[in-house]
Amino acid sequence: MATRQFFSAGEMLAQSEGSIGTAIRGAVADYYKGRDLDTAQTIRTANSDTEATQIVQAMRQGRVIDVVYVGGVATVGVVAGALLQRALGNPSVAGVSPVGALGFLTALAGIIAPLGLPTRAALTAGGLTYMAGATLYHQVVPTATTTGTP
């Protein structure tokens, strides 16, 4: 007689998260494989070495929108870090803003994520400027415990 195995809600959630994560990673990998194949074929079918070199130079230089994207995310990072630091009441742990840790995690994701260079640069820049915004707010605005009347 077969026994039926029941999963707890936590086990079911963990299993579905793993399945979703695997599907997303597979889709991203397939997308980039297709992009890489298209790029390789374009370079290979170039009419001359000069044309192929121009394609490689354009890829290395990137697009203006990529630079604007990274700069915009960096700007948003500073503002978001300062606003969250303020919204949480300017917390401090051993004199350091714990809010900046979120920026560190975002920057780390940008460094290790298997994404395109503009997206990785945006994540890293946004995370680092988020840390900077939270830290600057913490340093510039006095906390309630450091202010007071004697």
C-alpha atoms as a PDB file:
ATOM      1  CA  MET A   1       0.000   0.000   0.000  1.00  0.00           C
ATOM      2  CA  ALA A   2       1.414   3.368  -1.005  1.00  0.00           C
ATOM      3  CA  THR A   3       1.756   6.008   1.621  1.00  0.00           C
ATOM      4  CA  ARG A   4       0.913   9.550   0.766  1.00  0.00           C
ATOM      5  CA  GLN A   5       3.423  12.180   1.775  1.00  0.00           C
ATOM      6  CA  PHE A   6       2.127  15.571   2.841  1.00  0.00           C
ATOM      7  CA  PHE A   7       4.241  18.696   2.801  1.00  0.00           C
ATOM      8  CA  SER A   8       3.991  21.455   5.319  1.00  0.00           C
ATOM      9  CA  ALA A   9       3.197  24.947   4.075  1.00  0.00           C
ATOM     10  CA  GLY A  10       6.836  25.941   4.546  1.00  0.00           C
ATOM     11  CA  GLU A  11       8.081  22.946   2.570  1.00  0.00           C
ATOM     12  CA  MET A  12       5.651  23.665  -0.255  1.00  0.00           C
ATOM     13  CA  LEU A  13       6.719  27.317  -0.359  1.00  0.00           C
ATOM     14  CA  ALA A  14      10.403  26.368  -0.404  1.00  0.00           C
ATOM     15  CA  GLN A  15       9.791  23.891  -3.220  1.00  0.00           C
ATOM     16  CA  SER A  16       7.870  26.430  -5.311  1.00  0.00           C
ATOM     17  CA  GLU A  17      10.479  29.132  -4.712  1.00  0.00           C
ATOM     18  CA  GLY A  18      13.181  26.737  -5.869  1.00  0.00           C
ATOM     19  CA  SER A  19      11.185  25.866  -8.986  1.00  0.00           C
ATOM     20  CA  ILE A  20      10.545  29.539  -9.804  1.00  0.00           C
ATOM     21  CA  GLY A  21      14.197  30.418  -9.229  1.00  0.00           C
ATOM     22  CA  THR A  22      15.342  27.580 -11.467  1.00  0.00           C
ATOM     23  CA  ALA A  23      12.926  28.638 -14.217  1.00  0.00           C
ATOM     24  CA  ILE A  24      14.045  32.273 -14.043  1.00  0.00           C
ATOM     25  CA  ARG A  25      17.741  31.362 -14.067  1.00  0.00           C
ATOM     26  CA  GLY A  26      17.143  29.100 -17.054  1.00  0.00           C
ATOM     27  CA  ALA A  27      15.237  31.818 -18.927  1.00  0.00           C
ATOM     28  CA  VAL A  28      17.977  34.395 -18.285  1.00  0.00           C
ATOM     29  CA  ALA A  29      20.680  31.963 -19.387  1.00  0.00           C
ATOM     30  CA  ASP A  30      18.753  31.110 -22.571  1.00  0.00           C
ATOM     31  CA  TYR A  31      18.225  34.799 -23.332  1.00  0.00           C
ATOM     32  CA  TYR A  32      21.921  35.600 -23.008  1.00  0.00           C
ATOM     33  CA  LYS A  33      22.929  32.515 -25.007  1.00  0.00           C
ATOM     34  CA  GLY A  34      20.700  33.767 -27.813  1.00  0.00           C
ATOM     35  CA  ARG A  35      22.130  37.288 -27.568  1.00  0.00           C
ATOM     36  CA  ASP A  36      25.684  35.955 -27.579  1.00  0.00           C
ATOM     37  CA  LEU A  37      24.935  33.789 -30.617  1.00  0.00           C
ATOM     38  CA  ASP A  38      23.414  36.748 -32.496  1.00  0.00           C
ATOM     39  CA  THR A  39      26.428  38.908 -31.679  1.00  0.00           C
ATOM     40  CA  ALA A  40      28.913  36.225 -32.728  1.00  0.00           C
ATOM     41  CA  GLN A  41      27.078  35.665 -36.009  1.00  0.00           C
ATOM     42  CA  THR A  42      26.952  39.410 -36.715  1.00  0.00           C
ATOM     43  CA  ILE A  43      30.682  39.747 -36.159  1.00  0.00           C
ATOM     44  CA  ARG A  44      31.428  36.625 -38.210  1.00  0.00           C
ATOM     45  CA  THR A  45      29.359  37.835 -41.175  1.00  0.00           C
ATOM     46  CA  ALA A  46      30.916  41.312 -41.200  1.00  0.00           C
ATOM     47  CA  ASN A  47      32.192  42.318 -44.643  1.00  0.00           C
ATOM     48  CA  SER A  48      35.672  43.183 -43.389  1.00  0.00           C
ATOM     49  CA  ASP A  49      37.885  43.133 -40.324  1.00  0.00           C
ATOM     50  CA  THR A  50      37.319  46.879 -40.028  1.00  0.00           C
ATOM     51  CA  GLU A  51      33.547  46.405 -39.835  1.00  0.00           C
ATOM     52  CA  ALA A  52      33.937  43.623 -37.250  1.00  0.00           C
ATOM     53  CA  THR A  53      36.255  45.878 -35.212  1.00  0.00           C
ATOM     54  CA  GLN A  54      33.663  48.664 -35.319  1.00  0.00           C
ATOM     55  CA  ILE A  55      31.010  46.276 -33.986  1.00  0.00           C
ATOM     56  CA  VAL A  56      33.276  45.241 -31.108  1.00  0.00           C
ATOM     57  CA  GLN A  57      34.136  48.889 -30.337  1.00  0.00           C
ATOM     58  CA  ALA A  58      30.427  49.828 -30.286  1.00  0.00           C
ATOM     59  CA  MET A  59      29.725  46.940 -27.904  1.00  0.00           C
ATOM     60  CA  ARG A  60      32.553  47.977 -25.594  1.00  0.00           C
ATOM     61  CA  GLN A  61      31.529  51.637 -25.617  1.00  0.00           C
ATOM     62  CA  GLY A  62      27.906  50.853 -24.824  1.00  0.00           C
ATOM     63  CA  ARG A  63      24.902  53.036 -25.443  1.00  0.00           C
ATOM     64  CA  VAL A  64      24.067  56.455 -24.051  1.00  0.00           C
ATOM     65  CA  ILE A  65      20.941  55.009 -22.452  1.00  0.00           C
ATOM     66  CA  ASP A  66      23.115  52.581 -20.468  1.00  0.00           C
ATOM     67  CA  VAL A  67      25.126  55.453 -18.983  1.00  0.00           C
ATOM     68  CA  VAL A  68      21.952  57.391 -18.184  1.00  0.00           C
ATOM     69  CA  TYR A  69      20.494  54.249 -16.611  1.00  0.00           C
ATOM     70  CA  VAL A  70      23.485  53.708 -14.323  1.00  0.00           C
ATOM     71  CA  GLY A  71      23.598  57.401 -13.365  1.00  0.00           C
ATOM     72  CA  GLY A  72      19.875  57.450 -12.641  1.00  0.00           C
ATOM     73  CA  VAL A  73      20.034  54.374 -10.443  1.00  0.00           C
ATOM     74  CA  ALA A  74      23.001  55.870  -8.572  1.00  0.00           C
ATOM     75  CA  THR A  75      21.060  59.075  -7.944  1.00  0.00           C
ATOM     76  CA  VAL A  76      18.018  57.164  -6.763  1.00  0.00           C
ATOM     77  CA  GLY A  77      20.285  55.105  -4.492  1.00  0.00           C
ATOM     78  CA  VAL A  78      21.551  58.162  -2.610  1.00  0.00           C
ATOM     79  CA  VAL A  79      18.063  59.564  -2.142  1.00  0.00           C
ATOM     80  CA  ALA A  80      16.542  56.204  -1.161  1.00  0.00           C
ATOM     81  CA  GLY A  81      19.278  55.513   1.385  1.00  0.00           C
ATOM     82  CA  ALA A  82      18.831  58.891   3.045  1.00  0.00           C
ATOM     83  CA  LEU A  83      15.025  58.669   3.016  1.00  0.00           C
ATOM     84  CA  LEU A  84      14.941  55.199   4.568  1.00  0.00           C
ATOM     85  CA  GLN A  85      17.482  56.227   7.190  1.00  0.00           C
ATOM     86  CA  ARG A  86      15.212  59.163   8.027  1.00  0.00           C
ATOM     87  CA  ALA A  87      11.991  57.116   7.917  1.00  0.00           C
ATOM     88  CA  LEU A  88      13.391  54.582  10.384  1.00  0.00           C
ATOM     89  CA  GLY A  89      14.362  57.302  12.833  1.00  0.00           C
ATOM     90  CA  ASN A  90      18.071  57.495  11.976  1.00  0.00           C
ATOM     91  CA  PRO A  91      19.062  54.201  13.648  1.00  0.00           C
ATOM     92  CA  SER A  92      22.612  53.499  14.692  1.00  0.00           C
ATOM     93  CA  VAL A  93      24.451  50.359  15.761  1.00  0.00           C
ATOM     94  CA  ALA A  94      27.853  51.075  17.280  1.00  0.00           C
ATOM     95  CA  GLY A  95      27.823  54.460  15.560  1.00  0.00           C
ATOM     96  CA  VAL A  96      27.153  52.986  12.115  1.00  0.00           C
ATOM     97  CA  SER A  97      23.939  53.062  10.084  1.00  0.00           C
ATOM     98  CA  PRO A  98      22.512  49.526   9.753  1.00  0.00           C
ATOM     99  CA  VAL A  99      20.343  50.744   6.860  1.00  0.00           C
ATOM    100  CA  GLY A 100      23.430  50.836   4.645  1.00  0.00           C
ATOM    101  CA  ALA A 101      23.651  47.029   4.812  1.00  0.00           C
ATOM    102  CA  LEU A 102      20.808  46.836   2.279  1.00  0.00           C
ATOM    103  CA  GLY A 103      22.945  48.806  -0.146  1.00  0.00           C
ATOM    104  CA  PHE A 104      25.859  46.470   0.453  1.00  0.00           C
ATOM    105  CA  LEU A 105      23.695  43.468  -0.439  1.00  0.00           C
ATOM    106  CA  THR A 106      22.518  45.178  -3.635  1.00  0.00           C
ATOM    107  CA  ALA A 107      26.088  46.042  -4.625  1.00  0.00           C
ATOM    108  CA  LEU A 108      27.155  42.461  -3.942  1.00  0.00           C
ATOM    109  CA  ALA A 109      24.317  41.192  -6.145  1.00  0.00           C
ATOM    110  CA  GLY A 110      25.550  43.488  -8.908  1.00  0.00           C
ATOM    111  CA  ILE A 111      29.045  42.094  -8.618  1.00  0.00           C
ATOM    112  CA  ILE A 112      28.097  38.412  -8.745  1.00  0.00           C
ATOM    113  CA  ALA A 113      24.879  38.375 -10.818  1.00  0.00           C
ATOM    114  CA  PRO A 114      25.087  36.732 -14.249  1.00  0.00           C
ATOM    115  CA  LEU A 115      23.534  39.749 -15.978  1.00  0.00           C
ATOM    116  CA  GLY A 116      24.651  42.221 -18.613  1.00  0.00           C
ATOM    117  CA  LEU A 117      27.227  44.849 -17.763  1.00  0.00           C
ATOM    118  CA  PRO A 118      24.809  47.828 -17.625  1.00  0.00           C
ATOM    119  CA  THR A 119      22.522  46.017 -15.180  1.00  0.00           C
ATOM    120  CA  ARG A 120      25.423  44.853 -13.021  1.00  0.00           C
ATOM    121  CA  ALA A 121      26.893  48.365 -13.019  1.00  0.00           C
ATOM    122  CA  ALA A 122      23.512  49.851 -12.095  1.00  0.00           C
ATOM    123  CA  LEU A 123      23.010  47.421  -9.205  1.00  0.00           C
ATOM    124  CA  THR A 124      26.505  48.014  -7.896  1.00  0.00           C
ATOM    125  CA  ALA A 125      26.369  51.802  -8.259  1.00  0.00           C
ATOM    126  CA  GLY A 126      22.861  51.962  -6.811  1.00  0.00           C
ATOM    127  CA  GLY A 127      23.823  49.809  -3.831  1.00  0.00           C
ATOM    128  CA  LEU A 128      26.985  51.756  -3.068  1.00  0.00           C
ATOM    129  CA  THR A 129      25.265  55.129  -3.368  1.00  0.00           C
ATOM    130  CA  TYR A 130      22.406  53.821  -1.216  1.00  0.00           C
ATOM    131  CA  MET A 131      24.985  53.015   1.471  1.00  0.00           C
ATOM    132  CA  ALA A 132      26.491  56.465   1.016  1.00  0.00           C
ATOM    133  CA  GLY A 133      23.089  58.179   1.301  1.00  0.00           C
ATOM    134  CA  ALA A 134      22.198  56.340   4.509  1.00  0.00           C
ATOM    135  CA  THR A 135      25.637  56.966   6.005  1.00  0.00           C
ATOM    136  CA  LEU A 136      25.684  60.642   5.037  1.00  0.00           C
ATOM    137  CA  TYR A 137      22.240  61.191   6.508  1.00  0.00           C
ATOM    138  CA  HIS A 138      23.336  59.472   9.700  1.00  0.00           C
ATOM    139  CA  GLN A 139      26.483  61.604   9.913  1.00  0.00           C
ATOM    140  CA  VAL A 140      24.851  64.943   9.061  1.00  0.00           C
ATOM    141  CA  VAL A 141      21.583  64.686  10.985  1.00  0.00           C
ATOM    142  CA  PRO A 142      22.039  64.297  14.729  1.00  0.00           C
ATOM    143  CA  THR A 143      20.201  61.430  16.368  1.00  0.00           C
ATOM    144  CA  ALA A 144      17.776  62.004  19.208  1.00  0.00           C
ATOM    145  CA  THR A 145      20.217  60.493  21.716  1.00  0.00           C
ATOM    146  CA  THR A 146      23.073  62.831  20.770  1.00  0.00           C
ATOM    147  CA  THR A 147      21.004  65.993  20.947  1.00  0.00           C
ATOM    148  CA  GLY A 148      19.353  67.408  23.966  1.00  0.00           C
ATOM    149  CA  THR A 149      19.472  70.255  26.335  1.00  0.00           C
ATOM    150  CA  PRO A 150      21.797  70.128  29.302  1.00  0.00           C
END
